[in-house]
Amino acid sequence: MPIGQFAYASHSNRFMACAALDGQPFAVVGVPFDGAVTNRPGARFGPQAVRAASLMLCDGIHPHFDVSPAAHLGDALDLRLPNAAPLPELRRAIEAQAAALMARHHCVFLGGDHSVTLALLRAARARHGQALACVHFDAHCDTWSDHFGEPSGHGTWT
């Protein structure tokens, strides 16, 4: 394994044990970054934790409707992010990789602190135009208008 790739060594599980992304219309994508947090790092482990939990869904077949997304779903694993880059550079890397995936797939992005949202929204806007909707799940109430002067950090909505 080349130096600098160690952070991507634990990708043995995929969401619901689905296939690797290869032409499926829907993609699950990890964004393992929490370098903008000030107190509780750990969001970088979110994508792998969601994937691990998804394995408990067994076959993914809905118990009432008898349907499964598995045939239409591929796991793109995690974005390759610069480990010690300033936030603007990191956002450019996220935006470029997300845009490339969005050009071919409908994507669900997992993990990362709030600072990754802006880059994902920029990629989505470039692809789909100005009218966007965002579903953002969060486990705590740290939503301010700015975070120590940064208007788009982990403690803000964007």
N, C-alpha and C. Protein backbone atom coordinates (compact mmCIF):
# COMPACT_ATOMS: atom_id res chain seq x y z
N MET A 1 0.85 -1.17 0.00
CA MET A 1 0.00 0.00 0.00
C MET A 1 0.89 1.24 0.00
N PRO A 2 0.66 2.18 -0.93
CA PRO A 2 1.47 3.39 -0.96
C PRO A 2 1.27 4.24 0.29
N ILE A 3 2.30 4.98 0.67
CA ILE A 3 2.18 5.89 1.81
C ILE A 3 1.09 6.89 1.49
N GLY A 4 0.30 7.21 2.48
CA GLY A 4 -0.81 8.14 2.29
C GLY A 4 -2.12 7.44 1.99
N GLN A 5 -2.08 6.14 1.78
CA GLN A 5 -3.30 5.39 1.48
C GLN A 5 -3.83 4.61 2.69
N PHE A 6 -3.10 4.68 3.82
CA PHE A 6 -3.50 3.89 4.98
C PHE A 6 -4.90 4.21 5.47
N ALA A 7 -5.35 5.44 5.27
CA ALA A 7 -6.68 5.84 5.76
C ALA A 7 -7.79 5.11 5.02
N TYR A 8 -7.47 4.52 3.87
CA TYR A 8 -8.49 3.86 3.06
C TYR A 8 -8.38 2.33 3.14
N ALA A 9 -7.63 1.84 4.10
CA ALA A 9 -7.36 0.40 4.18
C ALA A 9 -8.51 -0.40 4.76
N SER A 10 -9.45 0.22 5.44
CA SER A 10 -10.50 -0.52 6.14
C SER A 10 -11.79 -0.62 5.34
N HIS A 11 -11.72 -0.63 4.04
CA HIS A 11 -12.94 -0.65 3.23
C HIS A 11 -13.30 -2.06 2.79
N SER A 12 -13.52 -2.93 3.74
CA SER A 12 -13.89 -4.29 3.37
C SER A 12 -15.40 -4.47 3.34
N ASN A 13 -16.14 -3.56 3.97
CA ASN A 13 -17.59 -3.70 3.93
C ASN A 13 -18.20 -2.62 3.05
N ARG A 14 -19.30 -2.96 2.41
CA ARG A 14 -20.03 -2.03 1.56
C ARG A 14 -21.46 -1.93 2.10
N PHE A 15 -22.11 -0.83 1.81
CA PHE A 15 -23.47 -0.60 2.28
C PHE A 15 -24.37 -1.76 1.86
N MET A 16 -25.04 -2.37 2.82
CA MET A 16 -25.93 -3.52 2.61
C MET A 16 -25.24 -4.64 1.82
N ALA A 17 -23.92 -4.70 1.87
CA ALA A 17 -23.14 -5.71 1.14
C ALA A 17 -23.40 -5.65 -0.36
N CYS A 18 -23.77 -4.46 -0.85
CA CYS A 18 -24.05 -4.32 -2.28
C CYS A 18 -22.73 -4.37 -3.07
N ALA A 19 -22.86 -4.40 -4.36
CA ALA A 19 -21.69 -4.47 -5.23
C ALA A 19 -20.95 -3.14 -5.23
N ALA A 20 -19.71 -3.21 -5.69
CA ALA A 20 -18.95 -1.98 -5.92
C ALA A 20 -19.66 -1.18 -7.00
N LEU A 21 -19.51 0.13 -6.95
CA LEU A 21 -20.17 0.99 -7.92
C LEU A 21 -19.65 0.71 -9.32
N ASP A 22 -20.57 0.38 -10.23
CA ASP A 22 -20.19 0.06 -11.60
C ASP A 22 -21.40 0.20 -12.50
N GLY A 23 -21.86 1.42 -12.71
CA GLY A 23 -22.98 1.65 -13.60
C GLY A 23 -24.35 1.65 -12.97
N GLN A 24 -24.47 1.30 -11.69
CA GLN A 24 -25.77 1.34 -11.04
C GLN A 24 -26.23 2.80 -10.97
N PRO A 25 -27.54 3.02 -10.98
CA PRO A 25 -28.02 4.41 -10.95
C PRO A 25 -27.82 5.11 -9.60
N PHE A 26 -27.77 4.35 -8.50
CA PHE A 26 -27.65 4.95 -7.18
C PHE A 26 -26.32 4.58 -6.54
N ALA A 27 -25.69 5.57 -5.90
CA ALA A 27 -24.39 5.37 -5.29
C ALA A 27 -24.40 5.82 -3.84
N VAL A 28 -23.80 5.01 -2.99
CA VAL A 28 -23.52 5.40 -1.61
C VAL A 28 -22.06 5.82 -1.58
N VAL A 29 -21.79 7.00 -0.99
CA VAL A 29 -20.44 7.57 -1.02
C VAL A 29 -20.08 8.07 0.38
N GLY A 30 -18.93 7.69 0.87
CA GLY A 30 -18.47 8.16 2.16
C GLY A 30 -17.64 9.43 2.03
N VAL A 31 -17.82 10.33 2.99
CA VAL A 31 -17.02 11.56 3.08
C VAL A 31 -16.39 11.57 4.47
N PRO A 32 -15.27 10.87 4.64
CA PRO A 32 -14.69 10.67 5.97
C PRO A 32 -13.81 11.83 6.42
N PHE A 33 -14.45 12.91 6.84
CA PHE A 33 -13.68 14.08 7.25
C PHE A 33 -14.30 14.68 8.49
N ASP A 34 -13.47 15.01 9.48
CA ASP A 34 -13.93 15.74 10.65
C ASP A 34 -12.87 16.72 11.14
N GLY A 35 -12.06 17.19 10.22
CA GLY A 35 -10.96 18.09 10.58
C GLY A 35 -11.37 19.49 10.94
N ALA A 36 -12.65 19.82 10.82
CA ALA A 36 -13.08 21.17 11.16
C ALA A 36 -13.82 21.23 12.50
N VAL A 37 -13.87 20.11 13.22
CA VAL A 37 -14.53 20.12 14.52
C VAL A 37 -13.61 20.71 15.57
N THR A 38 -14.20 21.19 16.64
CA THR A 38 -13.42 21.79 17.71
C THR A 38 -13.41 20.96 18.98
N ASN A 39 -14.33 20.00 19.10
CA ASN A 39 -14.43 19.29 20.36
C ASN A 39 -14.50 17.79 20.20
N ARG A 40 -15.38 17.29 19.39
CA ARG A 40 -15.62 15.85 19.33
C ARG A 40 -15.35 15.29 17.94
N PRO A 41 -14.11 14.97 17.61
CA PRO A 41 -13.86 14.34 16.33
C PRO A 41 -14.44 12.93 16.32
N GLY A 42 -14.63 12.41 15.16
CA GLY A 42 -15.16 11.06 15.03
C GLY A 42 -16.08 10.90 13.83
N ALA A 43 -16.56 12.01 13.28
CA ALA A 43 -17.45 11.93 12.12
C ALA A 43 -16.77 11.27 10.93
N ARG A 44 -15.44 11.26 10.92
CA ARG A 44 -14.73 10.59 9.82
C ARG A 44 -14.98 9.09 9.83
N PHE A 45 -15.40 8.55 10.98
CA PHE A 45 -15.71 7.13 11.06
C PHE A 45 -17.17 6.84 10.71
N GLY A 46 -17.94 7.88 10.48
CA GLY A 46 -19.36 7.73 10.18
C GLY A 46 -19.67 6.85 8.98
N PRO A 47 -19.02 7.07 7.82
CA PRO A 47 -19.35 6.23 6.67
C PRO A 47 -19.17 4.74 6.93
N GLN A 48 -18.08 4.37 7.57
CA GLN A 48 -17.85 2.94 7.85
C GLN A 48 -18.83 2.42 8.90
N ALA A 49 -19.21 3.26 9.86
CA ALA A 49 -20.17 2.83 10.87
C ALA A 49 -21.55 2.61 10.26
N VAL A 50 -21.97 3.49 9.35
CA VAL A 50 -23.26 3.31 8.68
C VAL A 50 -23.24 2.05 7.83
N ARG A 51 -22.13 1.83 7.13
CA ARG A 51 -22.02 0.61 6.32
C ARG A 51 -22.09 -0.64 7.20
N ALA A 52 -21.38 -0.62 8.32
CA ALA A 52 -21.40 -1.77 9.22
C ALA A 52 -22.81 -2.02 9.75
N ALA A 53 -23.50 -0.96 10.14
CA ALA A 53 -24.87 -1.11 10.65
C ALA A 53 -25.81 -1.60 9.57
N SER A 54 -25.56 -1.21 8.31
CA SER A 54 -26.45 -1.62 7.22
C SER A 54 -26.40 -3.12 6.98
N LEU A 55 -25.31 -3.76 7.39
CA LEU A 55 -25.21 -5.21 7.20
C LEU A 55 -26.25 -5.95 8.04
N MET A 56 -26.78 -5.28 9.06
CA MET A 56 -27.83 -5.88 9.89
C MET A 56 -29.18 -5.89 9.16
N LEU A 57 -29.25 -5.23 8.01
CA LEU A 57 -30.49 -5.21 7.24
C LEU A 57 -30.69 -6.52 6.47
N CYS A 58 -29.77 -7.43 6.64
CA CYS A 58 -29.81 -8.75 5.97
C CYS A 58 -29.86 -8.57 4.46
N ASP A 59 -30.97 -8.95 3.85
CA ASP A 59 -31.04 -8.89 2.40
C ASP A 59 -31.58 -7.55 1.90
N GLY A 60 -32.02 -6.68 2.78
CA GLY A 60 -32.52 -5.37 2.39
C GLY A 60 -33.90 -5.40 1.77
N ILE A 61 -34.57 -6.53 1.81
CA ILE A 61 -35.90 -6.63 1.22
C ILE A 61 -36.92 -6.03 2.19
N HIS A 62 -37.73 -5.12 1.68
CA HIS A 62 -38.76 -4.49 2.50
C HIS A 62 -39.78 -5.56 2.92
N PRO A 63 -40.08 -5.64 4.21
CA PRO A 63 -40.96 -6.73 4.69
C PRO A 63 -42.39 -6.64 4.20
N HIS A 64 -42.87 -5.46 3.84
CA HIS A 64 -44.26 -5.32 3.41
C HIS A 64 -44.38 -5.29 1.89
N PHE A 65 -43.47 -4.54 1.24
CA PHE A 65 -43.59 -4.35 -0.20
C PHE A 65 -42.76 -5.33 -1.02
N ASP A 66 -41.92 -6.13 -0.36
CA ASP A 66 -41.12 -7.16 -1.01
C ASP A 66 -40.25 -6.59 -2.15
N VAL A 67 -39.61 -5.47 -1.89
CA VAL A 67 -38.70 -4.86 -2.87
C VAL A 67 -37.36 -4.59 -2.17
N SER A 68 -36.32 -4.49 -2.98
CA SER A 68 -34.98 -4.22 -2.46
C SER A 68 -34.25 -3.27 -3.41
N PRO A 69 -33.48 -2.34 -2.86
CA PRO A 69 -32.72 -1.43 -3.73
C PRO A 69 -31.40 -2.04 -4.20
N ALA A 70 -31.08 -3.25 -3.75
CA ALA A 70 -29.74 -3.81 -3.95
C ALA A 70 -29.30 -3.86 -5.41
N ALA A 71 -30.17 -4.20 -6.32
CA ALA A 71 -29.78 -4.31 -7.73
C ALA A 71 -29.47 -2.96 -8.36
N HIS A 72 -29.95 -1.90 -7.76
CA HIS A 72 -29.78 -0.56 -8.33
C HIS A 72 -28.74 0.27 -7.58
N LEU A 73 -28.10 -0.34 -6.61
CA LEU A 73 -27.25 0.39 -5.69
C LEU A 73 -25.81 -0.11 -5.75
N GLY A 74 -24.88 0.84 -5.82
CA GLY A 74 -23.47 0.50 -5.76
C GLY A 74 -22.78 1.35 -4.71
N ASP A 75 -21.73 0.82 -4.11
CA ASP A 75 -20.98 1.56 -3.09
C ASP A 75 -19.70 2.09 -3.72
N ALA A 76 -19.57 3.41 -3.73
CA ALA A 76 -18.39 4.07 -4.30
C ALA A 76 -17.26 4.18 -3.28
N LEU A 77 -17.45 3.58 -2.11
CA LEU A 77 -16.49 3.67 -1.01
C LEU A 77 -16.34 5.13 -0.58
N ASP A 78 -15.17 5.52 -0.08
CA ASP A 78 -14.98 6.87 0.45
C ASP A 78 -14.24 7.75 -0.55
N LEU A 79 -14.59 9.03 -0.53
CA LEU A 79 -13.82 10.00 -1.32
C LEU A 79 -12.38 10.01 -0.83
N ARG A 80 -11.46 10.23 -1.73
CA ARG A 80 -10.04 10.34 -1.37
C ARG A 80 -9.76 11.81 -1.05
N LEU A 81 -9.56 12.09 0.21
CA LEU A 81 -9.43 13.47 0.66
C LEU A 81 -8.02 13.76 1.13
N PRO A 82 -7.54 14.99 0.90
CA PRO A 82 -6.22 15.36 1.41
C PRO A 82 -6.26 15.39 2.93
N ASN A 83 -5.30 14.76 3.55
CA ASN A 83 -5.32 14.56 4.99
C ASN A 83 -5.04 15.82 5.80
N ALA A 84 -4.14 16.65 5.37
CA ALA A 84 -3.73 17.81 6.16
C ALA A 84 -3.83 19.09 5.34
N ALA A 85 -4.89 19.21 4.57
CA ALA A 85 -5.07 20.38 3.71
C ALA A 85 -5.94 21.43 4.41
N PRO A 86 -5.76 22.69 4.04
CA PRO A 86 -6.67 23.72 4.56
C PRO A 86 -8.10 23.46 4.04
N LEU A 87 -9.08 23.96 4.78
CA LEU A 87 -10.48 23.71 4.47
C LEU A 87 -10.86 24.07 3.03
N PRO A 88 -10.43 25.20 2.47
CA PRO A 88 -10.80 25.49 1.07
C PRO A 88 -10.28 24.43 0.09
N GLU A 89 -9.07 23.93 0.31
CA GLU A 89 -8.53 22.89 -0.57
C GLU A 89 -9.32 21.59 -0.42
N LEU A 90 -9.66 21.25 0.81
CA LEU A 90 -10.45 20.06 1.05
C LEU A 90 -11.79 20.16 0.35
N ARG A 91 -12.43 21.31 0.44
CA ARG A 91 -13.73 21.50 -0.20
C ARG A 91 -13.62 21.36 -1.71
N ARG A 92 -12.54 21.86 -2.29
CA ARG A 92 -12.36 21.70 -3.74
C ARG A 92 -12.24 20.22 -4.10
N ALA A 93 -11.52 19.46 -3.29
CA ALA A 93 -11.38 18.02 -3.55
C ALA A 93 -12.72 17.31 -3.44
N ILE A 94 -13.48 17.63 -2.42
CA ILE A 94 -14.81 17.02 -2.26
C ILE A 94 -15.70 17.39 -3.43
N GLU A 95 -15.73 18.67 -3.78
CA GLU A 95 -16.61 19.13 -4.86
C GLU A 95 -16.27 18.45 -6.18
N ALA A 96 -14.99 18.35 -6.51
CA ALA A 96 -14.59 17.73 -7.78
C ALA A 96 -14.97 16.25 -7.82
N GLN A 97 -14.70 15.53 -6.76
CA GLN A 97 -15.03 14.09 -6.74
C GLN A 97 -16.54 13.87 -6.71
N ALA A 98 -17.25 14.69 -5.94
CA ALA A 98 -18.70 14.56 -5.88
C ALA A 98 -19.33 14.89 -7.23
N ALA A 99 -18.82 15.92 -7.91
CA ALA A 99 -19.36 16.29 -9.22
C ALA A 99 -19.18 15.15 -10.22
N ALA A 100 -18.02 14.50 -10.19
CA ALA A 100 -17.77 13.39 -11.11
C ALA A 100 -18.75 12.24 -10.85
N LEU A 101 -19.03 11.96 -9.57
CA LEU A 101 -19.99 10.90 -9.25
C LEU A 101 -21.41 11.30 -9.61
N MET A 102 -21.77 12.55 -9.32
CA MET A 102 -23.12 13.03 -9.61
C MET A 102 -23.41 13.07 -11.11
N ALA A 103 -22.39 13.14 -11.92
CA ALA A 103 -22.58 13.16 -13.38
C ALA A 103 -23.10 11.81 -13.88
N ARG A 104 -22.89 10.75 -13.11
CA ARG A 104 -23.28 9.41 -13.56
C ARG A 104 -24.27 8.71 -12.63
N HIS A 105 -24.44 9.22 -11.40
CA HIS A 105 -25.26 8.50 -10.41
C HIS A 105 -26.06 9.47 -9.55
N HIS A 106 -27.12 8.95 -8.96
CA HIS A 106 -27.82 9.65 -7.89
C HIS A 106 -27.10 9.22 -6.61
N CYS A 107 -26.60 10.19 -5.85
CA CYS A 107 -25.70 9.87 -4.73
C CYS A 107 -26.32 10.15 -3.36
N VAL A 108 -25.97 9.29 -2.43
CA VAL A 108 -26.23 9.52 -1.01
C VAL A 108 -24.86 9.58 -0.35
N PHE A 109 -24.56 10.71 0.28
CA PHE A 109 -23.25 10.91 0.90
C PHE A 109 -23.37 10.67 2.40
N LEU A 110 -22.41 9.93 2.96
CA LEU A 110 -22.42 9.57 4.38
C LEU A 110 -21.23 10.18 5.09
N GLY A 111 -21.48 10.63 6.30
CA GLY A 111 -20.38 10.98 7.17
C GLY A 111 -19.84 12.37 6.99
N GLY A 112 -18.82 12.66 7.75
CA GLY A 112 -18.19 13.97 7.70
C GLY A 112 -18.85 14.96 8.64
N ASP A 113 -18.07 15.96 9.04
CA ASP A 113 -18.66 17.01 9.86
C ASP A 113 -19.40 17.99 8.95
N HIS A 114 -20.01 19.00 9.52
CA HIS A 114 -20.82 19.93 8.74
C HIS A 114 -20.03 20.64 7.65
N SER A 115 -18.73 20.72 7.80
CA SER A 115 -17.95 21.49 6.82
C SER A 115 -17.94 20.86 5.44
N VAL A 116 -18.34 19.60 5.29
CA VAL A 116 -18.34 18.97 3.97
C VAL A 116 -19.60 19.31 3.17
N THR A 117 -20.63 19.79 3.84
CA THR A 117 -21.92 20.02 3.18
C THR A 117 -21.83 21.07 2.08
N LEU A 118 -21.10 22.13 2.32
CA LEU A 118 -21.02 23.21 1.32
C LEU A 118 -20.45 22.70 0.01
N ALA A 119 -19.40 21.91 0.04
CA ALA A 119 -18.81 21.39 -1.19
C ALA A 119 -19.78 20.47 -1.93
N LEU A 120 -20.52 19.66 -1.19
CA LEU A 120 -21.50 18.77 -1.81
C LEU A 120 -22.63 19.57 -2.45
N LEU A 121 -23.08 20.61 -1.77
CA LEU A 121 -24.13 21.46 -2.34
C LEU A 121 -23.64 22.21 -3.57
N ARG A 122 -22.39 22.64 -3.57
CA ARG A 122 -21.84 23.31 -4.75
C ARG A 122 -21.81 22.35 -5.94
N ALA A 123 -21.41 21.12 -5.71
CA ALA A 123 -21.38 20.13 -6.80
C ALA A 123 -22.80 19.85 -7.30
N ALA A 124 -23.75 19.74 -6.39
CA ALA A 124 -25.14 19.48 -6.78
C ALA A 124 -25.71 20.66 -7.55
N ARG A 125 -25.41 21.86 -7.13
CA ARG A 125 -25.92 23.04 -7.83
C ARG A 125 -25.34 23.13 -9.24
N ALA A 126 -24.06 22.83 -9.39
CA ALA A 126 -23.44 22.85 -10.72
C ALA A 126 -24.10 21.82 -11.63
N ARG A 127 -24.54 20.73 -11.07
CA ARG A 127 -25.15 19.66 -11.85
C ARG A 127 -26.63 19.91 -12.12
N HIS A 128 -27.37 20.37 -11.11
CA HIS A 128 -28.83 20.42 -11.19
C HIS A 128 -29.42 21.83 -11.25
N GLY A 129 -28.62 22.85 -11.07
CA GLY A 129 -29.15 24.20 -11.08
C GLY A 129 -29.44 24.70 -9.68
N GLN A 130 -30.11 25.83 -9.62
CA GLN A 130 -30.27 26.54 -8.37
C GLN A 130 -31.30 25.93 -7.43
N ALA A 131 -32.34 25.30 -7.93
CA ALA A 131 -33.39 24.76 -7.07
C ALA A 131 -32.95 23.43 -6.47
N LEU A 132 -32.55 23.45 -5.21
CA LEU A 132 -32.06 22.26 -4.53
C LEU A 132 -32.80 22.06 -3.22
N ALA A 133 -32.84 20.83 -2.78
CA ALA A 133 -33.33 20.49 -1.44
C ALA A 133 -32.26 19.64 -0.78
N CYS A 134 -32.06 19.82 0.51
CA CYS A 134 -31.04 19.07 1.22
C CYS A 134 -31.65 18.46 2.48
N VAL A 135 -31.46 17.17 2.65
CA VAL A 135 -31.86 16.49 3.88
C VAL A 135 -30.57 16.27 4.66
N HIS A 136 -30.46 16.91 5.82
CA HIS A 136 -29.22 16.88 6.60
C HIS A 136 -29.55 16.32 7.98
N PHE A 137 -29.08 15.11 8.27
CA PHE A 137 -29.31 14.50 9.57
C PHE A 137 -28.17 14.88 10.50
N ASP A 138 -28.50 15.23 11.72
CA ASP A 138 -27.50 15.62 12.69
C ASP A 138 -27.95 15.14 14.06
N ALA A 139 -26.99 14.82 14.89
CA ALA A 139 -27.31 14.25 16.19
C ALA A 139 -27.28 15.26 17.33
N HIS A 140 -27.00 16.49 17.04
CA HIS A 140 -26.90 17.47 18.13
C HIS A 140 -27.27 18.86 17.63
N CYS A 141 -27.38 19.76 18.55
CA CYS A 141 -27.87 21.11 18.23
C CYS A 141 -26.72 22.11 18.26
N ASP A 142 -25.86 22.05 17.29
CA ASP A 142 -24.76 23.01 17.23
C ASP A 142 -24.84 23.80 15.92
N THR A 143 -25.96 24.41 15.71
CA THR A 143 -26.18 25.10 14.45
C THR A 143 -26.22 26.61 14.67
N TRP A 144 -25.10 27.24 14.36
CA TRP A 144 -24.95 28.68 14.51
C TRP A 144 -24.85 29.32 13.14
N SER A 145 -24.96 30.62 13.11
CA SER A 145 -24.82 31.32 11.83
C SER A 145 -23.36 31.40 11.39
N ASP A 146 -22.43 31.33 12.33
CA ASP A 146 -21.02 31.21 11.98
C ASP A 146 -20.30 30.44 13.08
N HIS A 147 -19.12 29.97 12.75
CA HIS A 147 -18.34 29.19 13.71
C HIS A 147 -16.98 29.86 13.85
N PHE A 148 -16.83 30.68 14.89
CA PHE A 148 -15.62 31.46 15.12
C PHE A 148 -15.24 32.27 13.88
N GLY A 149 -16.26 32.87 13.25
CA GLY A 149 -16.03 33.72 12.08
C GLY A 149 -16.14 32.99 10.75
N GLU A 150 -16.12 31.68 10.75
CA GLU A 150 -16.26 30.90 9.51
C GLU A 150 -17.75 30.66 9.26
N PRO A 151 -18.30 31.18 8.15
CA PRO A 151 -19.74 31.05 7.93
C PRO A 151 -20.18 29.65 7.48
N SER A 152 -19.25 28.79 7.14
CA SER A 152 -19.64 27.45 6.68
C SER A 152 -18.71 26.41 7.29
N GLY A 153 -18.88 26.17 8.56
CA GLY A 153 -18.05 25.20 9.27
C GLY A 153 -18.87 24.09 9.85
N HIS A 154 -18.28 23.32 10.75
CA HIS A 154 -18.99 22.17 11.29
C HIS A 154 -20.14 22.57 12.20
N GLY A 155 -20.16 23.77 12.73
CA GLY A 155 -21.22 24.20 13.62
C GLY A 155 -22.26 25.07 12.95
N THR A 156 -22.29 25.07 11.62
CA THR A 156 -23.25 25.88 10.88
C THR A 156 -24.07 24.99 9.96
N TRP A 157 -25.08 25.57 9.35
CA TRP A 157 -25.95 24.80 8.47
C TRP A 157 -25.29 24.47 7.13
N THR A 158 -24.30 25.26 6.74
CA THR A 158 -23.69 24.98 5.43
C THR A 158 -22.23 24.70 5.56
